[in-house]
Amino acid sequence: MKSIGVVLLSFALFLNPLAWGGETWKIASLNWEPYSSDRMTTQGNAIQKLRHLLKQKDIELIVDFYPWERAQEIAKDPQYIGYFPAWPEEVKEGFTASAKIDWSWIAVLRKRSTMLEYSNARQLFAFYRGGLISTYSYPTLIADQAKAQRHRTTLVANELALLKALMADQIDFAVTDPYVMTYLADKLGVDEIEVDKVLMRKALVLAIRNDEHASERLQLLRDLLNH
């Protein structure tokens, strides 16, 4: 009976390889402090949260950092599980969004000396010069207005360029995660940036590459998050 039990246990593990301890998940990410960064000892707050979740199943997390578009592209390689942290809008074809692992926010930011008067996103983009990050997939509320007012909207490569554009009065407002922008401003000793209005809260998910183990990994994360 003992040998039969061992055989059954081995067969169960074969059917569910994610039950094995000692597995390694490798993901692609970006420098997006404080959520993710190769310059932080924790590799970022969101990365740390994912790592702690996986540690409950004795899964090691390895993170490679790239520019965001490169991270999403390189995550197609079979050596990667996927990419993180992503807004749901940033989960590309060939990947599936996990359950929410952390929260991000999207806000309008401005210089303290700049006053903005608007009632909605349409007025904001119609009345003022806005700045967005070109590699981010913004929610429709923002993306549609930026497209409609493209002559008044500046697209830049990253948060640093967005901060510089604000400080140089090249734009009147920026739309991005307020924690990322204020973290960067504090790091650079810039104290003139304020959050004008928080527009929405956005889930941060792991975009899991669609392979033969994707559904098992998605279920594992759901179970860990609901534990």
Foldseek 3Di string as FASTA:
>chain_A
DVVVVVVVVVVVCVVQVLLDAPAEAEAEEEDQPQQAHPVDPCRHDLSVLVQVLSVVSNYHYHYDYDQPVVRQVVCLDPNHQFYDFAFCLPQDPQWDWAPFRDKFFKFKKAFQPFDDDDDALLCRLVPWQEEEEPPHDDPPRNVVSCVVNVVRYHYDHDLVVVVVCRVVVVTGIYIDGPNSNVVVCVVVVHDGMDTPTTDDMTGTTTTGGDDPCNVSVSVSSVVSVVD
